[in-house]
């Protein structure tokens, strides 16, 4: 069933959402984008009602009709994420907010503020180092307000983070060094994704050494890694995988590699790799092989949203640390190996 009521429920004096009956399970921001459409379908498949939100009403209504034809319960709201009142209106009556609107380093802050004000759980698919770090730094505030904030609920950084968590669980040791890498194959990039990549890469190469952030020119530390059945030219990047791997492992030395954009891309298979090494030099490696990157992101985001709806503790989290090392494989059906053996 599709509805297109754009009338908000607000408190008459304070202008804040009234606590009342739930009108939708999920508010999906950026629903008409390349990632948003896939996430909307995944949410609907899980039986969740979805409020589709974005800047332009036409594409949202088209998506709503398509989902409703398959039996989904949806409604449509136009929203301006830079406007506090617009966000409050969109959030009113929903149980969790899912944002696909990037660049997250610039645009996530106001949405998180609105969710905290409304006491509404929030999750996003950010994979910018600064965006992931900024959300995680809100942990004390989120706990005080009793709200769950979740970041990185997509192919990056959830995939590499869950591999690190698997390795630490198997070895039982805190590593001295962690290296992770991901190569997401996607059929198309939307404009928001393109802007996010460009703005993120402008920060240069970031790594953690002795627990401190080290900034170098982009391309520094380039290497060739073999995973996913191929030799891949990679270099350290300013991605959320870096922060997620550091916080998941506690390692003082962490590198997160991204694929050289000049390298040829073929096929639609996505893969990821993680290595942890102890101070004595002993190491362990995990790999993941999955499908198309945007579809994997949609499945991870929808599964995370469903589990947040079922109830999680307050605080600021990455998806992997909140929901555990089996999250990605369970949501996507991806295959995981540890030191060459099926996990």
Protein backbone atom coordinates (compact mmCIF):
# COMPACT_ATOMS: atom_id res chain seq x y z
CA UNK A 1 0.00 0.00 0.00
CA UNK A 2 1.40 3.38 -0.97
CA UNK A 3 0.36 6.63 0.66
CA UNK A 4 1.53 10.14 -0.09
CA UNK A 5 0.50 12.16 2.94
CA UNK A 6 3.05 14.90 3.55
CA UNK A 7 1.34 16.24 6.67
CA UNK A 8 3.64 16.06 9.71
CA UNK A 9 2.67 15.24 13.27
CA UNK A 10 4.35 17.86 15.47
CA UNK A 11 4.06 19.15 18.97
CA UNK A 12 2.02 22.37 18.85
CA UNK A 13 4.46 24.46 20.90
CA UNK A 14 7.93 22.95 20.72
CA UNK A 15 7.76 21.84 17.08
CA UNK A 16 9.15 18.39 18.02
CA UNK A 17 7.69 15.06 16.97
CA UNK A 18 4.94 13.78 19.24
CA UNK A 19 5.52 10.36 20.75
CA UNK A 20 2.66 8.30 19.39
CA UNK A 21 1.71 5.37 17.22
CA UNK A 22 4.31 4.30 14.70
CA UNK A 23 3.37 5.21 11.13
CA UNK A 24 6.40 3.56 9.45
CA UNK A 25 9.16 1.25 10.59
CA UNK A 26 11.89 3.01 8.62
CA UNK A 27 12.54 6.49 7.27
CA UNK A 28 14.83 5.99 4.27
CA UNK A 29 16.64 9.19 3.30
CA UNK A 30 17.85 9.34 -0.29
CA UNK A 31 15.43 6.58 -1.22
CA UNK A 32 15.37 7.36 -4.94
CA UNK A 33 19.16 7.12 -5.35
CA UNK A 34 21.06 4.11 -6.65
CA UNK A 35 21.68 2.71 -3.16
CA UNK A 36 18.36 3.90 -1.75
CA UNK A 37 16.21 2.04 -4.25
CA UNK A 38 17.97 -1.23 -3.51
CA UNK A 39 17.77 -0.70 0.25
CA UNK A 40 14.06 0.12 -0.03
CA UNK A 41 13.45 -3.19 -1.81
CA UNK A 42 15.45 -5.10 0.80
CA UNK A 43 13.55 -3.45 3.65
CA UNK A 44 10.24 -4.30 1.99
CA UNK A 45 11.35 -7.91 1.48
CA UNK A 46 11.87 -8.11 5.25
CA UNK A 47 8.27 -7.00 5.78
CA UNK A 48 9.15 -3.52 7.05
CA UNK A 49 7.04 -0.47 6.27
CA UNK A 50 9.11 2.30 4.70
CA UNK A 51 8.77 6.07 4.49
CA UNK A 52 10.59 7.02 1.30
CA UNK A 53 12.21 10.45 1.59
CA UNK A 54 14.27 12.69 -0.64
CA UNK A 55 14.37 16.03 -2.39
CA UNK A 56 12.21 15.28 -5.43
CA UNK A 57 8.71 13.88 -5.06
CA UNK A 58 8.33 12.39 -8.54
CA UNK A 59 11.02 9.69 -8.32
CA UNK A 60 9.90 8.83 -4.79
CA UNK A 61 6.30 8.30 -5.92
CA UNK A 62 7.47 6.14 -8.84
CA UNK A 63 9.45 3.97 -6.42
CA UNK A 64 6.54 3.84 -3.98
CA UNK A 65 4.15 2.59 -6.67
CA UNK A 66 6.64 -0.07 -7.78
CA UNK A 67 7.12 -1.33 -4.22
CA UNK A 68 3.40 -1.20 -3.45
CA UNK A 69 2.67 -3.40 -6.46
CA UNK A 70 4.75 -6.07 -4.73
CA UNK A 71 2.77 -5.66 -1.52
CA UNK A 72 5.03 -3.26 0.37
CA UNK A 73 3.66 -0.66 2.78
CA UNK A 74 5.21 2.67 1.89
CA UNK A 75 4.61 6.40 2.10
CA UNK A 76 6.44 9.38 0.64
CA UNK A 77 7.87 12.55 2.14
CA UNK A 78 9.98 15.27 0.59
CA UNK A 79 12.72 16.42 2.92
CA UNK A 80 15.55 18.94 3.05
CA UNK A 81 18.27 17.52 5.31
CA UNK A 82 19.70 21.01 5.81
CA UNK A 83 16.43 22.18 7.39
CA UNK A 84 15.75 21.17 11.00
CA UNK A 85 11.98 21.46 10.73
CA UNK A 86 11.88 19.43 7.52
CA UNK A 87 13.91 16.64 9.13
CA UNK A 88 11.76 16.66 12.29
CA UNK A 89 8.62 16.31 10.18
CA UNK A 90 10.07 13.39 8.21
CA UNK A 91 11.29 11.58 11.35
CA UNK A 92 7.99 11.91 13.23
CA UNK A 93 6.31 8.53 13.63
CA UNK A 94 9.16 6.31 12.40
CA UNK A 95 11.09 3.77 14.45
CA UNK A 96 14.53 4.06 12.81
CA UNK A 97 16.19 6.41 10.31
CA UNK A 98 18.38 5.03 7.52
CA UNK A 99 20.46 7.55 5.57
CA UNK A 100 22.06 7.03 2.17
CA UNK A 101 22.76 10.73 1.65
CA UNK A 102 26.42 11.54 1.13
CA UNK A 103 28.94 12.94 1.36
CA UNK A 104 28.35 11.87 4.96
CA UNK A 105 31.26 13.95 6.24
CA UNK A 106 29.18 17.04 5.37
CA UNK A 107 25.59 15.85 5.47
CA UNK A 108 25.30 13.27 8.25
CA UNK A 109 25.68 15.70 11.17
CA UNK A 110 22.31 17.47 10.89
CA UNK A 111 20.50 14.16 10.42
CA UNK A 112 22.16 12.67 13.51
CA UNK A 113 21.28 15.79 15.49
CA UNK A 114 17.64 15.46 14.44
CA UNK A 115 17.58 11.78 15.39
CA UNK A 116 19.05 12.48 18.80
CA UNK A 117 16.48 15.25 19.36
CA UNK A 118 13.69 12.84 18.39
CA UNK A 119 15.23 9.93 20.35
CA UNK A 120 15.16 7.94 17.12
CA UNK A 121 17.80 5.30 16.21
CA UNK A 122 19.94 6.22 13.21
CA UNK A 123 22.08 4.23 10.80
CA UNK A 124 23.96 5.06 7.63
CA UNK A 125 26.12 3.49 4.92
CA UNK A 126 29.03 5.91 5.34
CA UNK A 127 32.54 4.83 4.41
CA UNK A 128 34.46 8.08 4.86
CA UNK A 129 37.02 7.98 7.64
CA UNK A 130 36.00 11.33 9.06
CA UNK A 131 32.27 10.55 8.95
CA UNK A 132 32.69 7.19 10.67
CA UNK A 133 34.99 8.67 13.31
CA UNK A 134 32.69 11.64 13.95
CA UNK A 135 29.67 9.40 14.57
CA UNK A 136 31.62 7.06 16.86
CA UNK A 137 32.82 10.05 18.86
CA UNK A 138 29.16 10.72 19.79
CA UNK A 139 28.99 7.56 21.91
CA UNK A 140 28.67 9.31 25.28
CA UNK A 141 25.95 11.63 23.98
CA UNK A 142 24.01 8.76 22.40
CA UNK A 143 24.16 6.67 25.58
CA UNK A 144 22.99 9.59 27.70
CA UNK A 145 19.96 10.00 25.44
CA UNK A 146 19.29 6.27 25.12
CA UNK A 147 19.69 6.29 21.33
CA UNK A 148 21.55 3.87 19.03
CA UNK A 149 23.65 5.45 16.26
CA UNK A 150 25.12 3.03 13.72
CA UNK A 151 27.54 3.80 10.90
CA UNK A 152 29.21 1.83 8.13
CA UNK A 153 26.23 -0.46 7.47
CA UNK A 154 27.30 -1.19 3.90
CA UNK A 155 29.94 -3.09 1.97
CA UNK A 156 32.48 -0.73 3.47
CA UNK A 157 33.44 -0.78 6.25
CA UNK A 158 31.25 -3.62 7.54
CA UNK A 159 32.91 -6.29 5.37
CA UNK A 160 36.51 -5.72 6.45
CA UNK A 161 35.49 -5.03 10.04
CA UNK A 162 33.64 -8.34 10.36
CA UNK A 163 36.68 -10.15 8.92
CA UNK A 164 38.88 -8.55 11.59
CA UNK A 165 36.39 -9.54 14.29
CA UNK A 166 36.43 -13.14 13.02
CA UNK A 167 40.21 -13.30 13.12
CA UNK A 168 40.46 -11.85 16.62
CA UNK A 169 37.80 -14.27 17.82
CA UNK A 170 39.72 -17.23 16.41
CA UNK A 171 43.17 -16.21 17.62
CA UNK A 172 42.08 -14.80 20.96
CA UNK A 173 44.88 -12.23 20.81
CA UNK A 174 44.97 -8.47 20.46
CA UNK A 175 47.00 -7.82 17.29
CA UNK A 176 49.88 -5.41 16.93
CA UNK A 177 49.11 -4.70 13.29
CA UNK A 178 45.99 -4.88 11.14
CA UNK A 179 45.72 -4.46 7.39
CA UNK A 180 42.42 -4.54 5.51
CA UNK A 181 41.42 -4.07 1.89
CA UNK A 182 38.20 -4.11 -0.10
CA UNK A 183 37.34 -4.09 -3.78
CA UNK A 184 33.63 -3.52 -4.31
CA UNK A 185 32.49 -4.10 -7.88
CA UNK A 186 29.45 -1.99 -8.75
CA UNK A 187 27.40 -1.68 -11.90
CA UNK A 188 26.99 2.09 -11.52
CA UNK A 189 27.84 4.99 -9.22
CA UNK A 190 25.27 7.66 -8.40
CA UNK A 191 26.17 11.34 -8.17
CA UNK A 192 26.24 11.24 -4.37
CA UNK A 193 28.68 8.33 -4.40
CA UNK A 194 30.91 10.13 -6.91
CA UNK A 195 31.02 13.25 -4.73
CA UNK A 196 31.72 11.18 -1.64
CA UNK A 197 34.67 9.41 -3.29
CA UNK A 198 36.14 12.65 -4.60
CA UNK A 199 35.84 14.50 -1.28
CA UNK A 200 37.15 11.54 0.70
CA UNK A 201 40.21 10.95 -1.48
CA UNK A 202 41.11 14.65 -1.23
CA UNK A 203 42.20 13.94 2.36
CA UNK A 204 45.15 11.90 1.08
CA UNK A 205 46.46 8.63 2.51
CA UNK A 206 45.64 8.00 6.17
CA UNK A 207 47.03 5.27 8.42
CA UNK A 208 47.44 4.61 12.14
CA UNK A 209 51.01 4.22 13.38
CA UNK A 210 51.72 3.76 17.07
CA UNK A 211 48.11 4.74 17.68
CA UNK A 212 48.42 8.09 15.90
CA UNK A 213 46.88 9.22 12.61
CA UNK A 214 49.51 9.70 9.90
CA UNK A 215 48.62 11.75 6.80
CA UNK A 216 50.57 11.37 3.56
CA UNK A 217 49.99 12.20 -0.10
CA UNK A 218 47.45 9.95 -1.80
CA UNK A 219 49.27 7.00 -3.36
CA UNK A 220 51.86 6.75 -0.60
CA UNK A 221 52.35 3.21 0.59
CA UNK A 222 51.00 1.65 -2.60
CA UNK A 223 51.34 -2.11 -2.79
CA UNK A 224 50.01 -5.16 -4.59
CA UNK A 225 47.77 -7.49 -2.59
CA UNK A 226 46.46 -10.85 -3.76
CA UNK A 227 42.90 -11.61 -2.76
CA UNK A 228 39.67 -12.48 -4.48
CA UNK A 229 41.66 -14.56 -6.93
CA UNK A 230 43.56 -11.61 -8.39
CA UNK A 231 46.61 -9.41 -7.88
CA UNK A 232 45.34 -5.93 -7.01
CA UNK A 233 47.19 -2.63 -6.90
CA UNK A 234 46.08 -0.88 -3.71
CA UNK A 235 47.01 2.15 -1.65
CA UNK A 236 46.07 3.41 1.82
CA UNK A 237 42.90 5.47 1.72
CA UNK A 238 40.88 7.74 4.04
CA UNK A 239 38.04 5.22 4.37
CA UNK A 240 35.82 4.13 7.22
CA UNK A 241 37.42 0.69 7.15
CA UNK A 242 40.46 2.27 8.80
CA UNK A 243 38.59 3.54 11.85
CA UNK A 244 36.40 0.44 12.11
CA UNK A 245 39.41 -1.89 12.03
CA UNK A 246 41.28 0.17 14.62
CA UNK A 247 38.39 0.22 17.09
CA UNK A 248 37.52 -3.44 16.50
CA UNK A 249 41.10 -4.60 17.08
CA UNK A 250 42.75 -2.02 19.34
CA UNK A 251 45.89 -2.41 17.20
CA UNK A 252 48.30 0.55 17.20
CA UNK A 253 49.22 0.06 13.54
CA UNK A 254 46.34 -0.10 11.04
CA UNK A 255 46.16 0.34 7.28
CA UNK A 256 43.03 0.25 5.13
CA UNK A 257 43.71 -0.13 1.41
CA UNK A 258 41.52 0.97 -1.47
CA UNK A 259 41.79 -0.12 -5.07
CA UNK A 260 43.76 2.06 -7.45
CA UNK A 261 41.03 3.82 -9.47
CA UNK A 262 43.25 3.63 -12.56
CA UNK A 263 43.31 -0.17 -12.42
CA UNK A 264 40.94 -2.01 -14.79
CA UNK A 265 37.67 -3.31 -13.31
CA UNK A 266 35.81 -6.32 -14.65
CA UNK A 267 32.88 -8.40 -13.49
CA UNK A 268 30.47 -7.74 -10.65
CA UNK A 269 32.10 -9.76 -7.88
CA UNK A 270 33.15 -7.90 -4.74
CA UNK A 271 35.80 -9.09 -2.32
CA UNK A 272 37.57 -8.11 0.87
CA UNK A 273 40.71 -9.10 2.77
CA UNK A 274 41.97 -8.71 6.32
CA UNK A 275 45.24 -9.61 7.99
CA UNK A 276 46.06 -9.40 11.68
CA UNK A 277 49.60 -9.82 12.97
CA UNK A 278 50.86 -10.32 16.52
CA UNK A 279 53.98 -8.68 17.92
CA UNK A 280 55.87 -11.97 17.43
CA UNK A 281 55.11 -11.93 13.69
CA UNK A 282 52.43 -14.64 13.66
CA UNK A 283 49.57 -13.65 11.37
CA UNK A 284 46.18 -14.79 10.13
CA UNK A 285 44.27 -13.82 6.99
CA UNK A 286 40.57 -13.82 6.13
CA UNK A 287 38.88 -13.20 2.78
CA UNK A 288 35.32 -12.64 1.66
CA UNK A 289 33.84 -13.16 -1.80
CA UNK A 290 30.45 -11.65 -2.55
CA UNK A 291 28.32 -10.29 -5.33
CA UNK A 292 27.68 -6.82 -6.71
CA UNK A 293 28.70 -4.11 -4.24
CA UNK A 294 25.55 -1.97 -4.15
CA UNK A 295 23.34 -5.02 -3.68
CA UNK A 296 25.59 -6.21 -0.86
CA UNK A 297 25.34 -2.78 0.75
CA UNK A 298 21.54 -2.88 0.47
CA UNK A 299 21.35 -6.28 2.14
CA UNK A 300 23.71 -5.26 4.97
CA UNK A 301 21.87 -1.97 5.59
CA UNK A 302 18.44 -3.62 5.60
CA UNK A 303 19.55 -6.42 7.90
CA UNK A 304 21.11 -3.90 10.28
CA UNK A 305 17.93 -1.81 10.28
CA UNK A 306 15.78 -4.86 11.01
CA UNK A 307 17.98 -5.85 13.94
CA UNK A 308 18.07 -2.31 15.32
CA UNK A 309 14.27 -2.34 15.18
CA UNK A 310 14.27 -5.60 17.14
CA UNK A 311 16.19 -3.83 19.89
CA UNK A 312 19.83 -2.93 20.54
CA UNK A 313 21.67 -1.06 23.24
CA UNK A 314 22.24 2.71 23.04
CA UNK A 315 25.51 4.23 21.97
CA UNK A 316 27.51 4.93 18.81
CA UNK A 317 28.46 1.81 16.89
CA UNK A 318 29.82 0.43 13.68
CA UNK A 319 27.51 -2.21 12.26
CA UNK A 320 30.02 -5.01 12.79
CA UNK A 321 30.81 -4.24 16.41
CA UNK A 322 27.11 -3.92 17.21
CA UNK A 323 25.90 -7.06 15.46
CA UNK A 324 28.95 -9.32 15.32
CA UNK A 325 31.27 -11.00 12.79
CA UNK A 326 28.52 -13.03 11.08
CA UNK A 327 26.54 -9.94 10.00
CA UNK A 328 27.80 -9.61 6.43
CA UNK A 329 27.88 -13.29 5.48
CA UNK A 330 24.44 -13.80 6.99
CA UNK A 331 22.92 -10.82 5.19
CA UNK A 332 24.52 -11.39 1.79
CA UNK A 333 25.37 -15.09 1.56
CA UNK A 334 29.01 -14.18 0.89
CA UNK A 335 31.69 -16.84 1.30
CA UNK A 336 34.37 -16.34 3.96
CA UNK A 337 37.70 -18.13 4.30
CA UNK A 338 40.31 -17.96 7.06
CA UNK A 339 43.85 -18.89 6.06
CA UNK A 340 42.43 -20.46 2.91
CA UNK A 341 39.84 -22.64 4.63
CA UNK A 342 36.05 -22.05 4.69
CA UNK A 343 35.02 -20.26 7.87
